Every structure is written in structure tokens, then in C-alpha cells.
Amino acid sequence: MSKITINVDSDELKILEKRAKKNLLSVREQIEDIIRRSCVSGKGPKYSRLKPDERLISIFSREKRGNWRKKKKKN
């Protein structure tokens, strides 16, 4: 495992802490999760289906399929 140092603004840290608390993670674990998910979603062709490295992610994740727009009401 490699170590990486990043500088996070206090406002960004508050957001990360809130998000980590919501996900029952520590701030460090939350940052690792964000980076891991980013790597999983960024590899391979963009048109391929999401193939996460963990089964739980595939169970609770949804793919974005097309543009869903609200239909305009006709007067």
C-alpha cells in the first residue's frame, strides 16, 4: 500500500466527515471508497456495463441509462 498526502480545505473536510458519518465510515475509509469507486467506474470503455470489484456495490448501484426528461404538459 502506498501513502499519498492530500490537502483538504476545511469546508471540504466537513462535507467528507458528514458523508463518512452517513456511510458509517471514517474519513480515511470514505476517501479510499471514493477513489476506489472512481477507479472502477473509470476503467474500460464507457459504453460497457459497470463491473465493480465488490458484489455489494453491484447490488446497491444503479446504472444511468439514457436521458430521462420530464414530459411537458400540453395546455
Protein backbone atom coordinates (compact mmCIF):
# COMPACT_ATOMS: atom_id res chain seq x y z
CA MET A 1 0.00 0.00 0.00
CA SER A 2 1.33 3.41 -0.94
CA LYS A 3 0.80 6.56 1.04
CA ILE A 4 -0.45 9.74 -0.59
CA THR A 5 -0.79 13.09 1.12
CA ILE A 6 -3.52 15.50 0.05
CA ASN A 7 -4.52 18.90 1.32
CA VAL A 8 -8.23 19.29 2.01
CA ASP A 9 -9.92 22.59 2.74
CA SER A 10 -11.91 22.83 5.98
CA ASP A 11 -15.19 23.12 4.04
CA GLU A 12 -14.35 20.01 2.03
CA LEU A 13 -13.39 18.17 5.20
CA LYS A 14 -16.77 18.97 6.75
CA ILE A 15 -18.50 17.54 3.68
CA LEU A 16 -16.32 14.41 3.81
CA GLU A 17 -16.99 13.97 7.53
CA LYS A 18 -20.74 14.29 7.01
CA ARG A 19 -20.65 11.82 4.12
CA ALA A 20 -18.47 9.38 6.11
CA LYS A 21 -20.81 9.55 9.09
CA LYS A 22 -23.77 8.85 6.80
CA ASN A 23 -21.97 5.79 5.36
CA LEU A 24 -20.72 4.63 8.80
CA LEU A 25 -17.08 5.04 7.75
CA SER A 26 -14.11 7.01 8.98
CA VAL A 27 -12.95 9.94 6.85
CA ARG A 28 -9.96 7.92 5.67
CA GLU A 29 -12.19 4.98 4.67
CA GLN A 30 -14.58 7.36 2.90
CA ILE A 31 -11.75 8.86 0.84
CA GLU A 32 -10.49 5.37 -0.04
CA ASP A 33 -14.03 4.38 -1.07
CA ILE A 34 -14.40 7.45 -3.29
CA ILE A 35 -11.08 6.78 -5.01
CA ARG A 36 -11.82 3.06 -5.43
CA ARG A 37 -15.25 3.73 -6.94
CA SER A 38 -13.74 6.32 -9.25
CA CYS A 39 -11.15 3.82 -10.48
CA VAL A 40 -13.78 1.12 -11.03
CA SER A 41 -16.09 3.40 -12.98
CA GLY A 42 -13.25 4.93 -14.99
CA LYS A 43 -11.64 1.79 -16.36
CA GLY A 44 -12.68 0.19 -19.62
CA PRO A 45 -14.88 1.53 -22.39
CA LYS A 46 -17.55 3.98 -21.33
CA TYR A 47 -20.32 2.04 -23.02
CA SER A 48 -19.70 -1.20 -21.11
CA ARG A 49 -21.76 -2.25 -18.12
CA LEU A 50 -20.48 -1.44 -14.64
CA LYS A 51 -18.45 -4.39 -13.34
CA PRO A 52 -17.49 -3.43 -9.78
CA ASP A 53 -14.87 -5.31 -7.83
CA GLU A 54 -17.20 -5.95 -4.93
CA ARG A 55 -20.53 -7.72 -5.08
CA LEU A 56 -22.27 -5.30 -2.68
CA ILE A 57 -21.55 -2.38 -4.98
CA SER A 58 -23.24 -4.19 -7.87
CA ILE A 59 -26.27 -4.94 -5.69
CA PHE A 60 -26.81 -1.39 -4.45
CA SER A 61 -25.62 0.57 -7.50
CA ARG A 62 -27.72 1.65 -10.44
CA GLU A 63 -26.57 2.41 -13.93
CA LYS A 64 -27.60 5.59 -15.64
CA ARG A 65 -29.44 4.61 -18.80
CA GLY A 66 -30.30 7.37 -21.23
CA ASN A 67 -31.75 10.79 -20.64
CA TRP A 68 -34.90 10.79 -18.59
CA ARG A 69 -36.70 14.05 -19.11
CA LYS A 70 -39.99 15.17 -17.71
CA LYS A 71 -42.76 15.28 -20.25
CA LYS A 72 -44.19 18.72 -20.76
CA LYS A 73 -47.91 19.09 -20.14
CA LYS A 74 -49.93 20.35 -23.04
CA ASN A 75 -52.30 23.16 -22.16
